[in-house]
PDB file of N, CA and C in Angstrom:
ATOM      1  N   MET A   1      -5.704   2.803  29.070  1.00  0.00           N
ATOM      2  CA  MET A   1      -6.298   1.496  28.819  1.00  0.00           C
ATOM      3  C   MET A   1      -5.940   0.584  29.991  1.00  0.00           C
ATOM      4  N   GLN A   2      -6.890  -0.181  30.453  1.00  0.00           N
ATOM      5  CA  GLN A   2      -6.670  -1.048  31.595  1.00  0.00           C
ATOM      6  C   GLN A   2      -5.860  -2.276  31.201  1.00  0.00           C
ATOM      7  N   SER A   3      -5.239  -2.918  32.201  1.00  0.00           N
ATOM      8  CA  SER A   3      -4.328  -4.032  31.924  1.00  0.00           C
ATOM      9  C   SER A   3      -5.029  -5.211  31.247  1.00  0.00           C
ATOM     10  N   ARG A   4      -6.264  -5.455  31.574  1.00  0.00           N
ATOM     11  CA  ARG A   4      -6.985  -6.566  30.942  1.00  0.00           C
ATOM     12  C   ARG A   4      -7.196  -6.301  29.446  1.00  0.00           C
ATOM     13  N   GLN A   5      -7.522  -5.063  29.133  1.00  0.00           N
ATOM     14  CA  GLN A   5      -7.701  -4.686  27.728  1.00  0.00           C
ATOM     15  C   GLN A   5      -6.370  -4.738  26.988  1.00  0.00           C
ATOM     16  N   ARG A   6      -5.317  -4.260  27.619  1.00  0.00           N
ATOM     17  CA  ARG A   6      -3.983  -4.337  27.009  1.00  0.00           C
ATOM     18  C   ARG A   6      -3.587  -5.791  26.782  1.00  0.00           C
ATOM     19  N   GLY A   7      -3.847  -6.625  27.775  1.00  0.00           N
ATOM     20  CA  GLY A   7      -3.517  -8.047  27.653  1.00  0.00           C
ATOM     21  C   GLY A   7      -4.259  -8.711  26.513  1.00  0.00           C
ATOM     22  N   THR A   8      -5.507  -8.334  26.326  1.00  0.00           N
ATOM     23  CA  THR A   8      -6.296  -8.879  25.220  1.00  0.00           C
ATOM     24  C   THR A   8      -5.671  -8.511  23.883  1.00  0.00           C
ATOM     25  N   LEU A   9      -5.318  -7.241  23.717  1.00  0.00           N
ATOM     26  CA  LEU A   9      -4.707  -6.799  22.460  1.00  0.00           C
ATOM     27  C   LEU A   9      -3.317  -7.399  22.280  1.00  0.00           C
ATOM     28  N   LEU A  10      -2.567  -7.536  23.365  1.00  0.00           N
ATOM     29  CA  LEU A  10      -1.243  -8.151  23.280  1.00  0.00           C
ATOM     30  C   LEU A  10      -1.361  -9.614  22.854  1.00  0.00           C
ATOM     31  N   GLY A  11      -2.307 -10.344  23.449  1.00  0.00           N
ATOM     32  CA  GLY A  11      -2.529 -11.738  23.059  1.00  0.00           C
ATOM     33  C   GLY A  11      -2.918 -11.862  21.600  1.00  0.00           C
ATOM     34  N   LEU A  12      -3.767 -10.961  21.133  1.00  0.00           N
ATOM     35  CA  LEU A  12      -4.149 -10.957  19.720  1.00  0.00           C
ATOM     36  C   LEU A  12      -2.927 -10.731  18.839  1.00  0.00           C
ATOM     37  N   ALA A  13      -2.108  -9.735  19.183  1.00  0.00           N
ATOM     38  CA  ALA A  13      -0.925  -9.416  18.373  1.00  0.00           C
ATOM     39  C   ALA A  13       0.066 -10.576  18.353  1.00  0.00           C
ATOM     40  N   VAL A  14       0.266 -11.233  19.482  1.00  0.00           N
ATOM     41  CA  VAL A  14       1.186 -12.376  19.547  1.00  0.00           C
ATOM     42  C   VAL A  14       0.682 -13.514  18.674  1.00  0.00           C
ATOM     43  N   GLY A  15      -0.588 -13.870  18.820  1.00  0.00           N
ATOM     44  CA  GLY A  15      -1.153 -14.944  17.998  1.00  0.00           C
ATOM     45  C   GLY A  15      -1.143 -14.608  16.521  1.00  0.00           C
ATOM     46  N   ASP A  16      -1.454 -13.369  16.196  1.00  0.00           N
ATOM     47  CA  ASP A  16      -1.454 -12.924  14.804  1.00  0.00           C
ATOM     48  C   ASP A  16      -0.046 -13.007  14.222  1.00  0.00           C
ATOM     49  N   ALA A  17       0.949 -12.555  14.985  1.00  0.00           N
ATOM     50  CA  ALA A  17       2.336 -12.602  14.514  1.00  0.00           C
ATOM     51  C   ALA A  17       2.827 -14.040  14.360  1.00  0.00           C
ATOM     52  N   LEU A  18       2.398 -14.927  15.251  1.00  0.00           N
ATOM     53  CA  LEU A  18       2.786 -16.338  15.119  1.00  0.00           C
ATOM     54  C   LEU A  18       2.235 -16.944  13.834  1.00  0.00           C
ATOM     55  N   GLY A  19       1.033 -16.572  13.471  1.00  0.00           N
ATOM     56  CA  GLY A  19       0.408 -17.149  12.284  1.00  0.00           C
ATOM     57  C   GLY A  19       0.649 -16.393  10.998  1.00  0.00           C
ATOM     58  N   ALA A  20       1.295 -15.233  11.067  1.00  0.00           N
ATOM     59  CA  ALA A  20       1.453 -14.380   9.883  1.00  0.00           C
ATOM     60  C   ALA A  20       2.183 -15.076   8.741  1.00  0.00           C
ATOM     61  N   ALA A  21       3.192 -15.877   9.057  1.00  0.00           N
ATOM     62  CA  ALA A  21       3.987 -16.528   8.005  1.00  0.00           C
ATOM     63  C   ALA A  21       3.210 -17.625   7.282  1.00  0.00           C
ATOM     64  N   VAL A  22       2.132 -18.101   7.882  1.00  0.00           N
ATOM     65  CA  VAL A  22       1.343 -19.163   7.239  1.00  0.00           C
ATOM     66  C   VAL A  22      -0.076 -18.691   6.907  1.00  0.00           C
ATOM     67  N   GLU A  23      -0.288 -17.380   6.965  1.00  0.00           N
ATOM     68  CA  GLU A  23      -1.606 -16.840   6.635  1.00  0.00           C
ATOM     69  C   GLU A  23      -1.992 -17.253   5.219  1.00  0.00           C
ATOM     70  N   PHE A  24      -3.194 -17.697   5.054  1.00  0.00           N
ATOM     71  CA  PHE A  24      -3.787 -18.154   3.788  1.00  0.00           C
ATOM     72  C   PHE A  24      -3.266 -19.520   3.331  1.00  0.00           C
ATOM     73  N   ALA A  25      -2.355 -20.129   4.081  1.00  0.00           N
ATOM     74  CA  ALA A  25      -1.841 -21.450   3.697  1.00  0.00           C
ATOM     75  C   ALA A  25      -2.880 -22.521   4.024  1.00  0.00           C
ATOM     76  N   GLU A  26      -2.899 -23.553   3.244  1.00  0.00           N
ATOM     77  CA  GLU A  26      -3.810 -24.680   3.426  1.00  0.00           C
ATOM     78  C   GLU A  26      -3.413 -25.442   4.698  1.00  0.00           C
ATOM     79  N   PRO A  27      -4.362 -25.742   5.584  1.00  0.00           N
ATOM     80  CA  PRO A  27      -4.025 -26.534   6.774  1.00  0.00           C
ATOM     81  C   PRO A  27      -3.311 -27.825   6.372  1.00  0.00           C
ATOM     82  N   GLY A  28      -2.261 -28.153   7.101  1.00  0.00           N
ATOM     83  CA  GLY A  28      -1.488 -29.358   6.810  1.00  0.00           C
ATOM     84  C   GLY A  28      -0.416 -29.163   5.753  1.00  0.00           C
ATOM     85  N   SER A  29      -0.356 -27.989   5.142  1.00  0.00           N
ATOM     86  CA  SER A  29       0.641 -27.742   4.094  1.00  0.00           C
ATOM     87  C   SER A  29       1.932 -27.138   4.659  1.00  0.00           C
ATOM     88  N   PHE A  30       2.017 -26.984   5.970  1.00  0.00           N
ATOM     89  CA  PHE A  30       3.204 -26.404   6.603  1.00  0.00           C
ATOM     90  C   PHE A  30       3.455 -27.126   7.919  1.00  0.00           C
ATOM     91  N   VAL A  31       4.695 -27.058   8.379  1.00  0.00           N
ATOM     92  CA  VAL A  31       5.018 -27.674   9.669  1.00  0.00           C
ATOM     93  C   VAL A  31       4.366 -26.843  10.771  1.00  0.00           C
ATOM     94  N   PRO A  32       4.014 -27.475  11.887  1.00  0.00           N
ATOM     95  CA  PRO A  32       3.368 -26.729  12.968  1.00  0.00           C
ATOM     96  C   PRO A  32       4.192 -25.499  13.378  1.00  0.00           C
ATOM     97  N   VAL A  33       3.492 -24.440  13.660  1.00  0.00           N
ATOM     98  CA  VAL A  33       4.135 -23.188  14.063  1.00  0.00           C
ATOM     99  C   VAL A  33       4.425 -23.248  15.558  1.00  0.00           C
ATOM    100  N   THR A  34       5.698 -23.152  15.902  1.00  0.00           N
ATOM    101  CA  THR A  34       6.104 -23.166  17.310  1.00  0.00           C
ATOM    102  C   THR A  34       6.933 -21.946  17.681  1.00  0.00           C
ATOM    103  N   ASN A  35       7.226 -21.103  16.691  1.00  0.00           N
ATOM    104  CA  ASN A  35       8.014 -19.906  16.927  1.00  0.00           C
ATOM    105  C   ASN A  35       7.701 -18.899  15.825  1.00  0.00           C
ATOM    106  N   TYR A  36       8.120 -17.682  16.031  1.00  0.00           N
ATOM    107  CA  TYR A  36       7.924 -16.672  14.998  1.00  0.00           C
ATOM    108  C   TYR A  36       8.733 -17.025  13.760  1.00  0.00           C
ATOM    109  N   ARG A  37       8.163 -16.735  12.588  1.00  0.00           N
ATOM    110  CA  ARG A  37       8.833 -16.989  11.322  1.00  0.00           C
ATOM    111  C   ARG A  37       8.733 -15.750  10.443  1.00  0.00           C
ATOM    112  N   ALA A  38       9.703 -15.617   9.571  1.00  0.00           N
ATOM    113  CA  ALA A  38       9.640 -14.568   8.552  1.00  0.00           C
ATOM    114  C   ALA A  38       8.869 -15.102   7.358  1.00  0.00           C
ATOM    115  N   GLY A  39       8.431 -14.188   6.523  1.00  0.00           N
ATOM    116  CA  GLY A  39       7.823 -14.599   5.259  1.00  0.00           C
ATOM    117  C   GLY A  39       6.331 -14.425   5.229  1.00  0.00           C
ATOM    118  N   GLY A  40       5.665 -15.399   4.640  1.00  0.00           N
ATOM    119  CA  GLY A  40       4.230 -15.310   4.435  1.00  0.00           C
ATOM    120  C   GLY A  40       3.915 -14.448   3.230  1.00  0.00           C
ATOM    121  N   PRO A  41       2.639 -14.264   2.947  1.00  0.00           N
ATOM    122  CA  PRO A  41       2.245 -13.530   1.745  1.00  0.00           C
ATOM    123  C   PRO A  41       2.660 -12.056   1.746  1.00  0.00           C
ATOM    124  N   HIS A  42       3.018 -11.522   2.911  1.00  0.00           N
ATOM    125  CA  HIS A  42       3.371 -10.098   2.997  1.00  0.00           C
ATOM    126  C   HIS A  42       4.850  -9.876   3.277  1.00  0.00           C
ATOM    127  N   GLY A  43       5.624 -10.952   3.329  1.00  0.00           N
ATOM    128  CA  GLY A  43       7.059 -10.835   3.559  1.00  0.00           C
ATOM    129  C   GLY A  43       7.411 -10.191   4.887  1.00  0.00           C
ATOM    130  N   LEU A  44       6.660 -10.513   5.925  1.00  0.00           N
ATOM    131  CA  LEU A  44       6.886  -9.900   7.231  1.00  0.00           C
ATOM    132  C   LEU A  44       8.090 -10.518   7.933  1.00  0.00           C
ATOM    133  N   GLU A  45       8.663  -9.757   8.838  1.00  0.00           N
ATOM    134  CA  GLU A  45       9.757 -10.235   9.675  1.00  0.00           C
ATOM    135  C   GLU A  45       9.169 -11.035  10.838  1.00  0.00           C
ATOM    136  N   PRO A  46       9.968 -11.910  11.458  1.00  0.00           N
ATOM    137  CA  PRO A  46       9.454 -12.662  12.611  1.00  0.00           C
ATOM    138  C   PRO A  46       8.895 -11.724  13.684  1.00  0.00           C
ATOM    139  N   GLY A  47       7.705 -12.024  14.161  1.00  0.00           N
ATOM    140  CA  GLY A  47       7.083 -11.236  15.221  1.00  0.00           C
ATOM    141  C   GLY A  47       6.230 -10.074  14.751  1.00  0.00           C
ATOM    142  N   GLU A  48       6.151  -9.857  13.443  1.00  0.00           N
ATOM    143  CA  GLU A  48       5.329  -8.754  12.942  1.00  0.00           C
ATOM    144  C   GLU A  48       3.887  -9.202  12.739  1.00  0.00           C
ATOM    145  N   TRP A  49       2.953  -8.336  13.106  1.00  0.00           N
ATOM    146  CA  TRP A  49       1.532  -8.657  13.008  1.00  0.00           C
ATOM    147  C   TRP A  49       0.958  -8.234  11.666  1.00  0.00           C
ATOM    148  N   THR A  50      -0.292  -8.632  11.425  1.00  0.00           N
ATOM    149  CA  THR A  50      -0.966  -8.348  10.158  1.00  0.00           C
ATOM    150  C   THR A  50      -2.010  -7.245  10.329  1.00  0.00           C
ATOM    151  N   ASP A  51      -2.780  -7.052   9.279  1.00  0.00           N
ATOM    152  CA  ASP A  51      -3.858  -6.061   9.276  1.00  0.00           C
ATOM    153  C   ASP A  51      -4.904  -6.347  10.341  1.00  0.00           C
ATOM    154  N   ASP A  52      -5.054  -7.603  10.715  1.00  0.00           N
ATOM    155  CA  ASP A  52      -6.054  -7.944  11.733  1.00  0.00           C
ATOM    156  C   ASP A  52      -5.740  -7.240  13.053  1.00  0.00           C
ATOM    157  N   THR A  53      -4.483  -7.277  13.461  1.00  0.00           N
ATOM    158  CA  THR A  53      -4.082  -6.588  14.686  1.00  0.00           C
ATOM    159  C   THR A  53      -4.136  -5.080  14.500  1.00  0.00           C
ATOM    160  N   SER A  54      -3.730  -4.592  13.337  1.00  0.00           N
ATOM    161  CA  SER A  54      -3.777  -3.147  13.081  1.00  0.00           C
ATOM    162  C   SER A  54      -5.190  -2.611  13.270  1.00  0.00           C
ATOM    163  N   MET A  55      -6.172  -3.315  12.725  1.00  0.00           N
ATOM    164  CA  MET A  55      -7.561  -2.862  12.852  1.00  0.00           C
ATOM    165  C   MET A  55      -8.055  -2.990  14.290  1.00  0.00           C
ATOM    166  N   ALA A  56      -7.604  -4.018  15.002  1.00  0.00           N
ATOM    167  CA  ALA A  56      -7.990  -4.171  16.404  1.00  0.00           C
ATOM    168  C   ALA A  56      -7.403  -3.044  17.252  1.00  0.00           C
ATOM    169  N   LEU A  57      -6.175  -2.640  16.957  1.00  0.00           N
ATOM    170  CA  LEU A  57      -5.563  -1.523  17.679  1.00  0.00           C
ATOM    171  C   LEU A  57      -6.325  -0.224  17.420  1.00  0.00           C
ATOM    172  N   ALA A  58      -6.728  -0.020  16.180  1.00  0.00           N
ATOM    173  CA  ALA A  58      -7.526   1.164  15.849  1.00  0.00           C
ATOM    174  C   ALA A  58      -8.856   1.141  16.605  1.00  0.00           C
ATOM    175  N   LEU A  59      -9.493  -0.016  16.649  1.00  0.00           N
ATOM    176  CA  LEU A  59     -10.752  -0.150  17.386  1.00  0.00           C
ATOM    177  C   LEU A  59     -10.539   0.110  18.870  1.00  0.00           C
ATOM    178  N   GLY A  60      -9.476  -0.455  19.440  1.00  0.00           N
ATOM    179  CA  GLY A  60      -9.181  -0.233  20.853  1.00  0.00           C
ATOM    180  C   GLY A  60      -8.972   1.236  21.172  1.00  0.00           C
ATOM    181  N   ASP A  61      -8.222   1.928  20.321  1.00  0.00           N
ATOM    182  CA  ASP A  61      -8.017   3.365  20.515  1.00  0.00           C
ATOM    183  C   ASP A  61      -9.339   4.119  20.457  1.00  0.00           C
ATOM    184  N   SER A  62     -10.176   3.752  19.500  1.00  0.00           N
ATOM    185  CA  SER A  62     -11.461   4.424  19.354  1.00  0.00           C
ATOM    186  C   SER A  62     -12.339   4.209  20.585  1.00  0.00           C
ATOM    187  N   LEU A  63     -12.429   2.984  21.037  1.00  0.00           N
ATOM    188  CA  LEU A  63     -13.260   2.686  22.206  1.00  0.00           C
ATOM    189  C   LEU A  63     -12.745   3.412  23.445  1.00  0.00           C
ATOM    190  N   ALA A  64     -11.418   3.457  23.616  1.00  0.00           N
ATOM    191  CA  ALA A  64     -10.834   4.125  24.777  1.00  0.00           C
ATOM    192  C   ALA A  64     -11.057   5.636  24.724  1.00  0.00           C
ATOM    193  N   ALA A  65     -11.003   6.206  23.537  1.00  0.00           N
ATOM    194  CA  ALA A  65     -11.112   7.660  23.397  1.00  0.00           C
ATOM    195  C   ALA A  65     -12.545   8.159  23.308  1.00  0.00           C
ATOM    196  N   ALA A  66     -13.408   7.375  22.648  1.00  0.00           N
ATOM    197  CA  ALA A  66     -14.734   7.909  22.320  1.00  0.00           C
ATOM    198  C   ALA A  66     -15.892   6.991  22.687  1.00  0.00           C
ATOM    199  N   GLY A  67     -15.609   5.856  23.320  1.00  0.00           N
ATOM    200  CA  GLY A  67     -16.686   4.905  23.565  1.00  0.00           C
ATOM    201  C   GLY A  67     -17.147   4.318  22.243  1.00  0.00           C
ATOM    202  N   TRP A  68     -18.416   3.943  22.170  1.00  0.00           N
ATOM    203  CA  TRP A  68     -18.933   3.375  20.919  1.00  0.00           C
ATOM    204  C   TRP A  68     -19.350   4.519  20.009  1.00  0.00           C
ATOM    205  N   ASP A  69     -18.430   4.921  19.132  1.00  0.00           N
ATOM    206  CA  ASP A  69     -18.650   6.024  18.200  1.00  0.00           C
ATOM    207  C   ASP A  69     -18.201   5.539  16.827  1.00  0.00           C
ATOM    208  N   LEU A  70     -19.160   5.133  16.010  1.00  0.00           N
ATOM    209  CA  LEU A  70     -18.850   4.515  14.724  1.00  0.00           C
ATOM    210  C   LEU A  70     -18.051   5.440  13.812  1.00  0.00           C
ATOM    211  N   LYS A  71     -18.367   6.715  13.837  1.00  0.00           N
ATOM    212  CA  LYS A  71     -17.644   7.663  12.983  1.00  0.00           C
ATOM    213  C   LYS A  71     -16.172   7.748  13.401  1.00  0.00           C
ATOM    214  N   ASP A  72     -15.922   7.822  14.696  1.00  0.00           N
ATOM    215  CA  ASP A  72     -14.552   7.842  15.201  1.00  0.00           C
ATOM    216  C   ASP A  72     -13.822   6.552  14.822  1.00  0.00           C
ATOM    217  N   GLN A  73     -14.515   5.443  14.969  1.00  0.00           N
ATOM    218  CA  GLN A  73     -13.930   4.142  14.630  1.00  0.00           C
ATOM    219  C   GLN A  73     -13.512   4.102  13.160  1.00  0.00           C
ATOM    220  N   LEU A  74     -14.403   4.478  12.268  1.00  0.00           N
ATOM    221  CA  LEU A  74     -14.075   4.448  10.847  1.00  0.00           C
ATOM    222  C   LEU A  74     -12.976   5.442  10.500  1.00  0.00           C
ATOM    223  N   GLN A  75     -12.957   6.594  11.167  1.00  0.00           N
ATOM    224  CA  GLN A  75     -11.895   7.564  10.898  1.00  0.00           C
ATOM    225  C   GLN A  75     -10.533   6.982  11.269  1.00  0.00           C
ATOM    226  N   ARG A  76     -10.477   6.219  12.336  1.00  0.00           N
ATOM    227  CA  ARG A  76      -9.213   5.577  12.726  1.00  0.00           C
ATOM    228  C   ARG A  76      -8.826   4.481  11.732  1.00  0.00           C
ATOM    229  N   TYR A  77      -9.805   3.755  11.210  1.00  0.00           N
ATOM    230  CA  TYR A  77      -9.503   2.773  10.162  1.00  0.00           C
ATOM    231  C   TYR A  77      -8.984   3.472   8.907  1.00  0.00           C
ATOM    232  N   VAL A  78      -9.583   4.604   8.561  1.00  0.00           N
ATOM    233  CA  VAL A  78      -9.113   5.374   7.402  1.00  0.00           C
ATOM    234  C   VAL A  78      -7.673   5.832   7.639  1.00  0.00           C
ATOM    235  N   ASN A  79      -7.380   6.267   8.846  1.00  0.00           N
ATOM    236  CA  ASN A  79      -6.021   6.696   9.172  1.00  0.00           C
ATOM    237  C   ASN A  79      -5.031   5.542   8.976  1.00  0.00           C
ATOM    238  N   TRP A  80      -5.404   4.343   9.394  1.00  0.00           N
ATOM    239  CA  TRP A  80      -4.571   3.158   9.155  1.00  0.00           C
ATOM    240  C   TRP A  80      -4.425   2.909   7.655  1.00  0.00           C
ATOM    241  N   PHE A  81      -5.536   2.946   6.943  1.00  0.00           N
ATOM    242  CA  PHE A  81      -5.561   2.691   5.504  1.00  0.00           C
ATOM    243  C   PHE A  81      -4.682   3.686   4.746  1.00  0.00           C
ATOM    244  N   ARG A  82      -4.772   4.952   5.078  1.00  0.00           N
ATOM    245  CA  ARG A  82      -4.072   5.999   4.322  1.00  0.00           C
ATOM    246  C   ARG A  82      -2.644   6.273   4.796  1.00  0.00           C
ATOM    247  N   THR A  83      -2.377   6.088   6.101  1.00  0.00           N
ATOM    248  CA  THR A  83      -1.055   6.466   6.620  1.00  0.00           C
ATOM    249  C   THR A  83      -0.254   5.310   7.200  1.00  0.00           C
ATOM    250  N   GLY A  84      -0.897   4.169   7.420  1.00  0.00           N
ATOM    251  CA  GLY A  84      -0.194   3.040   8.026  1.00  0.00           C
ATOM    252  C   GLY A  84      -0.141   3.087   9.540  1.00  0.00           C
ATOM    253  N   LYS A  85      -0.845   4.051  10.147  1.00  0.00           N
ATOM    254  CA  LYS A  85      -0.892   4.089  11.610  1.00  0.00           C
ATOM    255  C   LYS A  85      -1.457   2.764  12.108  1.00  0.00           C
ATOM    256  N   TYR A  86      -0.929   2.278  13.207  1.00  0.00           N
ATOM    257  CA  TYR A  86      -1.291   0.999  13.829  1.00  0.00           C
ATOM    258  C   TYR A  86      -0.635  -0.194  13.131  1.00  0.00           C
ATOM    259  N   SER A  87      -0.002   0.024  12.006  1.00  0.00           N
ATOM    260  CA  SER A  87       0.640  -1.073  11.293  1.00  0.00           C
ATOM    261  C   SER A  87       2.037  -1.306  11.852  1.00  0.00           C
ATOM    262  N   VAL A  88       2.480  -2.534  11.798  1.00  0.00           N
ATOM    263  CA  VAL A  88       3.785  -2.897  12.328  1.00  0.00           C
ATOM    264  C   VAL A  88       4.930  -2.284  11.521  1.00  0.00           C
ATOM    265  N   ASN A  89       4.687  -1.984  10.264  1.00  0.00           N
ATOM    266  CA  ASN A  89       5.764  -1.484   9.407  1.00  0.00           C
ATOM    267  C   ASN A  89       5.458  -0.107   8.797  1.00  0.00           C
ATOM    268  N   GLY A  90       4.430   0.555   9.317  1.00  0.00           N
ATOM    269  CA  GLY A  90       4.135   1.910   8.869  1.00  0.00           C
ATOM    270  C   GLY A  90       3.402   2.021   7.550  1.00  0.00           C
ATOM    271  N   ARG A  91       2.906   0.905   7.044  1.00  0.00           N
ATOM    272  CA  ARG A  91       2.123   0.954   5.803  1.00  0.00           C
ATOM    273  C   ARG A  91       0.955  -0.021   5.918  1.00  0.00           C
ATOM    274  N   CYS A  92      -0.114   0.322   5.258  1.00  0.00           N
ATOM    275  CA  CYS A  92      -1.285  -0.551   5.232  1.00  0.00           C
ATOM    276  C   CYS A  92      -1.058  -1.628   4.176  1.00  0.00           C
ATOM    277  N   PHE A  93      -1.218  -2.874   4.563  1.00  0.00           N
ATOM    278  CA  PHE A  93      -1.111  -3.978   3.614  1.00  0.00           C
ATOM    279  C   PHE A  93      -2.209  -4.985   3.922  1.00  0.00           C
ATOM    280  N   ASP A  94      -2.569  -5.750   2.957  1.00  0.00           N
ATOM    281  CA  ASP A  94      -3.578  -6.806   3.074  1.00  0.00           C
ATOM    282  C   ASP A  94      -4.951  -6.286   3.485  1.00  0.00           C
ATOM    283  N   ILE A  95      -5.311  -5.120   3.029  1.00  0.00           N
ATOM    284  CA  ILE A  95      -6.662  -4.635   3.293  1.00  0.00           C
ATOM    285  C   ILE A  95      -7.596  -5.310   2.293  1.00  0.00           C
ATOM    286  N   GLY A  96      -8.681  -5.867   2.777  1.00  0.00           N
ATOM    287  CA  GLY A  96      -9.629  -6.545   1.900  1.00  0.00           C
ATOM    288  C   GLY A  96     -10.334  -5.573   0.963  1.00  0.00           C
ATOM    289  N   ILE A  97     -10.785  -6.087  -0.153  1.00  0.00           N
ATOM    290  CA  ILE A  97     -11.450  -5.257  -1.159  1.00  0.00           C
ATOM    291  C   ILE A  97     -12.689  -4.579  -0.577  1.00  0.00           C
ATOM    292  N   THR A  98     -13.503  -5.337   0.136  1.00  0.00           N
ATOM    293  CA  THR A  98     -14.729  -4.772   0.700  1.00  0.00           C
ATOM    294  C   THR A  98     -14.410  -3.720   1.756  1.00  0.00           C
ATOM    295  N   THR A  99     -13.397  -3.979   2.575  1.00  0.00           N
ATOM    296  CA  THR A  99     -12.987  -3.003   3.586  1.00  0.00           C
ATOM    297  C   THR A  99     -12.482  -1.732   2.922  1.00  0.00           C
ATOM    298  N   ARG A 100     -11.652  -1.882   1.890  1.00  0.00           N
ATOM    299  CA  ARG A 100     -11.121  -0.719   1.158  1.00  0.00           C
ATOM    300  C   ARG A 100     -12.267   0.118   0.578  1.00  0.00           C
ATOM    301  N   ARG A 101     -13.227  -0.557  -0.030  1.00  0.00           N
ATOM    302  CA  ARG A 101     -14.365   0.160  -0.630  1.00  0.00           C
ATOM    303  C   ARG A 101     -15.180   0.900   0.427  1.00  0.00           C
ATOM    304  N   ALA A 102     -15.420   0.235   1.546  1.00  0.00           N
ATOM    305  CA  ALA A 102     -16.208   0.866   2.610  1.00  0.00           C
ATOM    306  C   ALA A 102     -15.490   2.088   3.174  1.00  0.00           C
ATOM    307  N   LEU A 103     -14.194   1.979   3.384  1.00  0.00           N
ATOM    308  CA  LEU A 103     -13.450   3.123   3.913  1.00  0.00           C
ATOM    309  C   LEU A 103     -13.387   4.259   2.902  1.00  0.00           C
ATOM    310  N   SER A 104     -13.234   3.928   1.640  1.00  0.00           N
ATOM    311  CA  SER A 104     -13.241   4.963   0.592  1.00  0.00           C
ATOM    312  C   SER A 104     -14.597   5.647   0.515  1.00  0.00           C
ATOM    313  N   ARG A 105     -15.670   4.860   0.629  1.00  0.00           N
ATOM    314  CA  ARG A 105     -17.020   5.426   0.604  1.00  0.00           C
ATOM    315  C   ARG A 105     -17.234   6.321   1.831  1.00  0.00           C
ATOM    316  N   PHE A 106     -16.736   5.884   2.980  1.00  0.00           N
ATOM    317  CA  PHE A 106     -16.840   6.710   4.187  1.00  0.00           C
ATOM    318  C   PHE A 106     -16.096   8.031   4.005  1.00  0.00           C
ATOM    319  N   GLU A 107     -14.923   7.990   3.391  1.00  0.00           N
ATOM    320  CA  GLU A 107     -14.173   9.227   3.130  1.00  0.00           C
ATOM    321  C   GLU A 107     -14.978  10.182   2.248  1.00  0.00           C
ATOM    322  N   GLN A 108     -15.693   9.635   1.286  1.00  0.00           N
ATOM    323  CA  GLN A 108     -16.469  10.463   0.356  1.00  0.00           C
ATOM    324  C   GLN A 108     -17.715  11.056   1.001  1.00  0.00           C
ATOM    325  N   THR A 109     -18.394  10.251   1.820  1.00  0.00           N
ATOM    326  CA  THR A 109     -19.691  10.675   2.349  1.00  0.00           C
ATOM    327  C   THR A 109     -19.648  11.151   3.797  1.00  0.00           C
ATOM    328  N   GLY A 110     -18.709  10.639   4.583  1.00  0.00           N
ATOM    329  CA  GLY A 110     -18.668  10.947   6.004  1.00  0.00           C
ATOM    330  C   GLY A 110     -19.742  10.233   6.804  1.00  0.00           C
ATOM    331  N   ASP A 111     -20.489   9.351   6.146  1.00  0.00           N
ATOM    332  CA  ASP A 111     -21.586   8.638   6.806  1.00  0.00           C
ATOM    333  C   ASP A 111     -21.181   7.192   7.085  1.00  0.00           C
ATOM    334  N   PRO A 112     -20.933   6.858   8.346  1.00  0.00           N
ATOM    335  CA  PRO A 112     -20.517   5.488   8.652  1.00  0.00           C
ATOM    336  C   PRO A 112     -21.623   4.454   8.444  1.00  0.00           C
ATOM    337  N   TRP A 113     -22.861   4.892   8.441  1.00  0.00           N
ATOM    338  CA  TRP A 113     -23.981   3.962   8.349  1.00  0.00           C
ATOM    339  C   TRP A 113     -24.257   3.486   6.927  1.00  0.00           C
ATOM    340  N   THR A 114     -23.756   4.196   5.943  1.00  0.00           N
ATOM    341  CA  THR A 114     -23.984   3.790   4.550  1.00  0.00           C
ATOM    342  C   THR A 114     -22.684   3.446   3.825  1.00  0.00           C
ATOM    343  N   ALA A 115     -21.582   3.387   4.549  1.00  0.00           N
ATOM    344  CA  ALA A 115     -20.280   3.141   3.918  1.00  0.00           C
ATOM    345  C   ALA A 115     -20.114   1.699   3.447  1.00  0.00           C
ATOM    346  N   GLY A 116     -20.695   0.766   4.150  1.00  0.00           N
ATOM    347  CA  GLY A 116     -20.502  -0.644   3.821  1.00  0.00           C
ATOM    348  C   GLY A 116     -21.384  -1.126   2.692  1.00  0.00           C
ATOM    349  N   ASP A 117     -20.998  -2.239   2.125  1.00  0.00           N
ATOM    350  CA  ASP A 117     -21.766  -2.900   1.067  1.00  0.00           C
ATOM    351  C   ASP A 117     -22.814  -3.787   1.735  1.00  0.00           C
ATOM    352  N   ALA A 118     -24.059  -3.564   1.425  1.00  0.00           N
ATOM    353  CA  ALA A 118     -25.150  -4.300   2.068  1.00  0.00           C
ATOM    354  C   ALA A 118     -25.471  -5.624   1.387  1.00  0.00           C
ATOM    355  N   SER A 119     -24.815  -5.933   0.284  1.00  0.00           N
ATOM    356  CA  SER A 119     -25.146  -7.181  -0.410  1.00  0.00           C
ATOM    357  C   SER A 119     -24.693  -8.384   0.414  1.00  0.00           C
ATOM    358  N   GLU A 120     -25.448  -9.464   0.323  1.00  0.00           N
ATOM    359  CA  GLU A 120     -25.155 -10.637   1.140  1.00  0.00           C
ATOM    360  C   GLU A 120     -23.876 -11.346   0.725  1.00  0.00           C
ATOM    361  N   ARG A 121     -23.368 -11.087  -0.447  1.00  0.00           N
ATOM    362  CA  ARG A 121     -22.145 -11.744  -0.921  1.00  0.00           C
ATOM    363  C   ARG A 121     -20.873 -10.954  -0.619  1.00  0.00           C
ATOM    364  N   SER A 122     -21.014  -9.805  -0.006  1.00  0.00           N
ATOM    365  CA  SER A 122     -19.821  -9.011   0.298  1.00  0.00           C
ATOM    366  C   SER A 122     -19.175  -9.514   1.585  1.00  0.00           C
ATOM    367  N   SER A 123     -17.862  -9.436   1.616  1.00  0.00           N
ATOM    368  CA  SER A 123     -17.104  -9.738   2.830  1.00  0.00           C
ATOM    369  C   SER A 123     -15.787  -8.996   2.732  1.00  0.00           C
ATOM    370  N   GLY A 124     -15.182  -8.720   3.883  1.00  0.00           N
ATOM    371  CA  GLY A 124     -14.041  -7.848   3.875  1.00  0.00           C
ATOM    372  C   GLY A 124     -12.731  -8.464   4.040  1.00  0.00           C
TER     373      GLY A 124
END
């Protein structure tokens, strides 16, 4: 992976870890974040990233290994979901309901094009 791509993922992980302790908190309900903090909805240690970075790392690996290959991409997400690969603590946490359903459907069918929920009210 080239340095620019690494830098992009590193910046994402740093920002994600900075905000992890206040994830889902109402704006203005916490003091400004100026350093890493422990806690948050997932009880993370200071400097630990969330599922957002885990999925970005899986995507980065997929793009580096296979280019734009949706099946490879989803297989890497499934690997994160089932084994905790790419996660800061070795386990998948905070996976959205829609994402979980899509990955489970992909495991059942092997078809990345029909794994997602097509309804307009779904979100992951």
